[in-house]
C-alpha atoms as a PDB file:
ATOM      1  CA  MET A   1       0.000   0.000   0.000  1.00  0.00           C
ATOM      2  CA  ASN A   2       1.500   3.320  -1.096  1.00  0.00           C
ATOM      3  CA  ILE A   3       0.436   6.226   1.096  1.00  0.00           C
ATOM      4  CA  LEU A   4       1.138   9.784  -0.001  1.00  0.00           C
ATOM      5  CA  MET A   5       3.902  11.038   2.266  1.00  0.00           C
ATOM      6  CA  PHE A   6       5.317  14.547   2.465  1.00  0.00           C
ATOM      7  CA  ASP A   7       8.869  15.348   3.458  1.00  0.00           C
ATOM      8  CA  LYS A   8       9.635  17.964   6.101  1.00  0.00           C
ATOM      9  CA  LEU A   9      10.019  20.875   3.700  1.00  0.00           C
ATOM     10  CA  GLU A  10       6.660  20.191   2.032  1.00  0.00           C
ATOM     11  CA  ILE A  11       4.959  20.007   5.425  1.00  0.00           C
ATOM     12  CA  LEU A  12       6.443  23.389   6.349  1.00  0.00           C
ATOM     13  CA  GLY A  13       5.171  24.818   3.062  1.00  0.00           C
ATOM     14  CA  VAL A  14       1.672  23.501   3.692  1.00  0.00           C
ATOM     15  CA  ILE A  15       1.660  25.005   7.197  1.00  0.00           C
ATOM     16  CA  VAL A  16       2.769  28.400   5.860  1.00  0.00           C
ATOM     17  CA  LEU A  17       0.127  28.333   3.113  1.00  0.00           C
ATOM     18  CA  LEU A  18      -2.622  27.425   5.574  1.00  0.00           C
ATOM     19  CA  LEU A  19      -1.619  30.196   7.981  1.00  0.00           C
ATOM     20  CA  LEU A  20      -1.472  32.775   5.173  1.00  0.00           C
ATOM     21  CA  ALA A  21      -4.867  31.666   3.851  1.00  0.00           C
ATOM     22  CA  PHE A  22      -6.300  31.897   7.370  1.00  0.00           C
ATOM     23  CA  TYR A  23      -4.887  35.402   7.865  1.00  0.00           C
ATOM     24  CA  PHE A  24      -6.003  36.790   4.506  1.00  0.00           C
ATOM     25  CA  THR A  25      -9.490  35.335   4.884  1.00  0.00           C
ATOM     26  CA  ILE A  26      -9.922  36.880   8.325  1.00  0.00           C
ATOM     27  CA  SER A  27      -8.464  40.253   7.329  1.00  0.00           C
ATOM     28  CA  TRP A  28     -10.547  40.540   4.153  1.00  0.00           C
ATOM     29  CA  SER A  29     -13.761  39.640   5.965  1.00  0.00           C
ATOM     30  CA  ALA A  30     -13.026  42.041   8.831  1.00  0.00           C
ATOM     31  CA  GLY A  31     -12.286  44.980   6.530  1.00  0.00           C
ATOM     32  CA  GLY A  32     -15.873  45.512   5.377  1.00  0.00           C
ATOM     33  CA  SER A  33     -16.866  48.307   7.758  1.00  0.00           C
ATOM     34  CA  LYS A  34     -15.839  51.899   7.093  1.00  0.00           C
ATOM     35  CA  LYS A  35     -17.244  53.412  10.293  1.00  0.00           C
ATOM     36  CA  PRO A  36     -14.535  55.148  12.370  1.00  0.00           C
ATOM     37  CA  GLU A  37     -15.660  53.593  15.655  1.00  0.00           C
ATOM     38  CA  ALA A  38     -15.656  50.133  14.096  1.00  0.00           C
ATOM     39  CA  LEU A  39     -12.122  50.559  12.747  1.00  0.00           C
ATOM     40  CA  ILE A  40     -10.691  50.656  16.275  1.00  0.00           C
ATOM     41  CA  HIS A  41     -12.316  47.322  17.107  1.00  0.00           C
ATOM     42  CA  ILE A  42     -11.208  45.834  13.787  1.00  0.00           C
ATOM     43  CA  LYS A  43      -7.587  46.869  14.415  1.00  0.00           C
ATOM     44  CA  LYS A  44      -7.673  45.239  17.860  1.00  0.00           C
ATOM     45  CA  TYR A  45      -9.268  42.126  16.377  1.00  0.00           C
ATOM     46  CA  LEU A  46      -6.676  41.861  13.599  1.00  0.00           C
ATOM     47  CA  PHE A  47      -3.876  42.347  16.125  1.00  0.00           C
ATOM     48  CA  GLY A  48      -5.242  39.369  18.060  1.00  0.00           C
ATOM     49  CA  VAL A  49      -5.428  37.347  14.845  1.00  0.00           C
ATOM     50  CA  ARG A  50      -1.788  38.199  14.056  1.00  0.00           C
ATOM     51  CA  VAL A  51      -0.693  37.168  17.550  1.00  0.00           C
ATOM     52  CA  LEU A  52      -2.583  33.886  17.218  1.00  0.00           C
ATOM     53  CA  ILE A  53      -1.065  33.140  13.816  1.00  0.00           C
ATOM     54  CA  ILE A  54       2.437  33.956  15.048  1.00  0.00           C
ATOM     55  CA  PHE A  55       1.908  31.671  18.055  1.00  0.00           C
ATOM     56  CA  ILE A  56       0.665  28.842  15.824  1.00  0.00           C
ATOM     57  CA  ALA A  57       3.597  29.399  13.445  1.00  0.00           C
ATOM     58  CA  ILE A  58       6.140  29.241  16.273  1.00  0.00           C
ATOM     59  CA  VAL A  59       4.617  26.068  17.718  1.00  0.00           C
ATOM     60  CA  SER A  60       4.468  24.516  14.241  1.00  0.00           C
ATOM     61  CA  LEU A  61       8.091  25.430  13.577  1.00  0.00           C
ATOM     62  CA  ILE A  62       9.208  23.910  16.888  1.00  0.00           C
ATOM     63  CA  LEU A  63       7.292  20.693  16.179  1.00  0.00           C
ATOM     64  CA  TRP A  64       8.645  20.647  12.629  1.00  0.00           C
ATOM     65  CA  LEU A  65      12.219  20.938  13.902  1.00  0.00           C
ATOM     66  CA  ILE A  66      11.760  18.239  16.551  1.00  0.00           C
ATOM     67  CA  LEU A  67      10.020  15.648  14.399  1.00  0.00           C
END
């Protein structure tokens, strides 16, 4: 039985693509409002999204290096 296997570099590429897709989807959907009071909340929300993505990227990189 031949199972599709990825090497380490391909796995890292898939992780980066997924994180970028996640970020762009969230940022595009959050950018719909043009009200000034909503922009403050959107900036805080996108900052939280960036922190989450950076955290996931760091954990993924550590796991990628270990395994």
